[in-house]
Amino acid sequence: MNLTLAVDEETVEKAREVARQQGTSLNALIRDYIERLAGNPSGAVIAARLQAHWDEDPPGRSAPGWRFDRAEIYDERLHGKKRDE
């Protein structure tokens, strides 16, 4: 859908400069804003949420106290079961 807005030319130019500094377009900034208002997150919003989640709990990190057990891994791969089963 196309949307027409009435905005002061100076304001638009300032906003375009902000968009350039962020490596995006004014159109993309406005679209992301409207999507957030509507509760429909864009790819950039989803990526930011994932990054925040990874910052809290980075992928590849093990739970406290967990230790790698090579024999257990082999049992799971070769026999499809955990050692304590």
Protein backbone atom coordinates (compact mmCIF):
# COMPACT_ATOMS: atom_id res chain seq x y z
CA MET A 1 0.00 0.00 0.00
CA ASN A 2 1.23 3.48 -0.76
CA LEU A 3 0.79 6.28 1.75
CA THR A 4 1.04 10.01 1.16
CA LEU A 5 2.15 12.28 4.00
CA ALA A 6 2.29 16.05 4.28
CA VAL A 7 5.58 16.95 5.99
CA ASP A 8 7.66 20.12 5.98
CA GLU A 9 10.50 19.88 3.43
CA GLU A 10 13.19 20.82 5.98
CA THR A 11 11.96 18.10 8.33
CA VAL A 12 12.08 15.53 5.53
CA GLU A 13 15.67 16.49 4.64
CA LYS A 14 16.77 16.20 8.28
CA ALA A 15 15.05 12.82 8.54
CA ARG A 16 16.71 11.64 5.30
CA GLU A 17 20.09 12.58 6.74
CA VAL A 18 19.36 10.56 9.88
CA ALA A 19 18.35 7.62 7.69
CA ARG A 20 21.58 7.93 5.66
CA GLN A 21 23.62 7.93 8.86
CA GLN A 22 21.83 4.74 9.90
CA GLY A 23 22.49 3.13 6.53
CA THR A 24 18.86 2.99 5.51
CA SER A 25 16.20 5.04 3.75
CA LEU A 26 13.57 7.37 5.12
CA ASN A 27 10.96 5.08 3.61
CA ALA A 28 12.36 2.09 5.55
CA LEU A 29 12.44 4.07 8.81
CA ILE A 30 8.82 5.15 8.41
CA ARG A 31 7.72 1.64 7.37
CA ASP A 32 9.44 0.11 10.44
CA TYR A 33 7.82 2.70 12.68
CA ILE A 34 4.34 2.03 11.29
CA GLU A 35 4.87 -1.74 11.56
CA ARG A 36 5.86 -1.35 15.21
CA LEU A 37 2.78 0.78 15.82
CA ALA A 38 0.64 -1.93 14.26
CA GLY A 39 2.39 -4.69 16.20
CA ASN A 40 3.77 -6.30 13.04
CA PRO A 41 7.56 -6.36 13.49
CA SER A 42 9.84 -5.94 10.49
CA GLY A 43 12.95 -7.98 9.85
CA ALA A 44 15.09 -5.28 11.47
CA VAL A 45 12.93 -5.29 14.59
CA ILE A 46 13.03 -9.09 14.78
CA ALA A 47 16.82 -9.02 14.34
CA ALA A 48 17.15 -6.46 17.14
CA ARG A 49 15.03 -8.64 19.43
CA LEU A 50 17.14 -11.70 18.62
CA GLN A 51 20.33 -9.74 19.27
CA ALA A 52 18.99 -8.62 22.64
CA HIS A 53 18.11 -12.23 23.47
CA TRP A 54 21.57 -13.46 22.42
CA ASP A 55 23.20 -10.73 24.49
CA GLU A 56 21.36 -12.12 27.53
CA ASP A 57 21.99 -15.79 26.71
CA PRO A 58 24.64 -16.18 23.98
CA PRO A 59 24.26 -19.21 21.69
CA GLY A 60 26.82 -21.93 22.25
CA ARG A 61 27.04 -21.32 25.97
CA SER A 62 26.29 -24.22 28.25
CA ALA A 63 24.20 -24.10 31.37
CA PRO A 64 26.16 -23.57 34.59
CA GLY A 65 27.54 -26.85 35.88
CA TRP A 66 27.10 -28.71 32.58
CA ARG A 67 30.15 -30.68 31.49
CA PHE A 68 30.84 -32.19 28.10
CA ASP A 69 30.73 -36.00 28.17
CA ARG A 70 32.11 -37.53 24.98
CA ALA A 71 30.78 -41.02 25.79
CA GLU A 72 27.28 -39.64 26.29
CA ILE A 73 27.42 -37.86 22.94
CA TYR A 74 28.57 -41.07 21.21
CA ASP A 75 25.79 -43.08 22.86
CA GLU A 76 23.21 -40.56 21.66
CA ARG A 77 24.54 -40.60 18.10
CA LEU A 78 25.18 -44.32 17.79
CA HIS A 79 22.32 -45.73 19.80
CA GLY A 80 19.81 -42.90 19.87
CA LYS A 81 19.67 -42.84 23.66
CA LYS A 82 21.19 -41.10 26.61
CA ARG A 83 23.43 -43.03 29.00
CA ASP A 84 20.99 -42.87 31.90
CA GLU A 85 18.11 -44.37 29.88
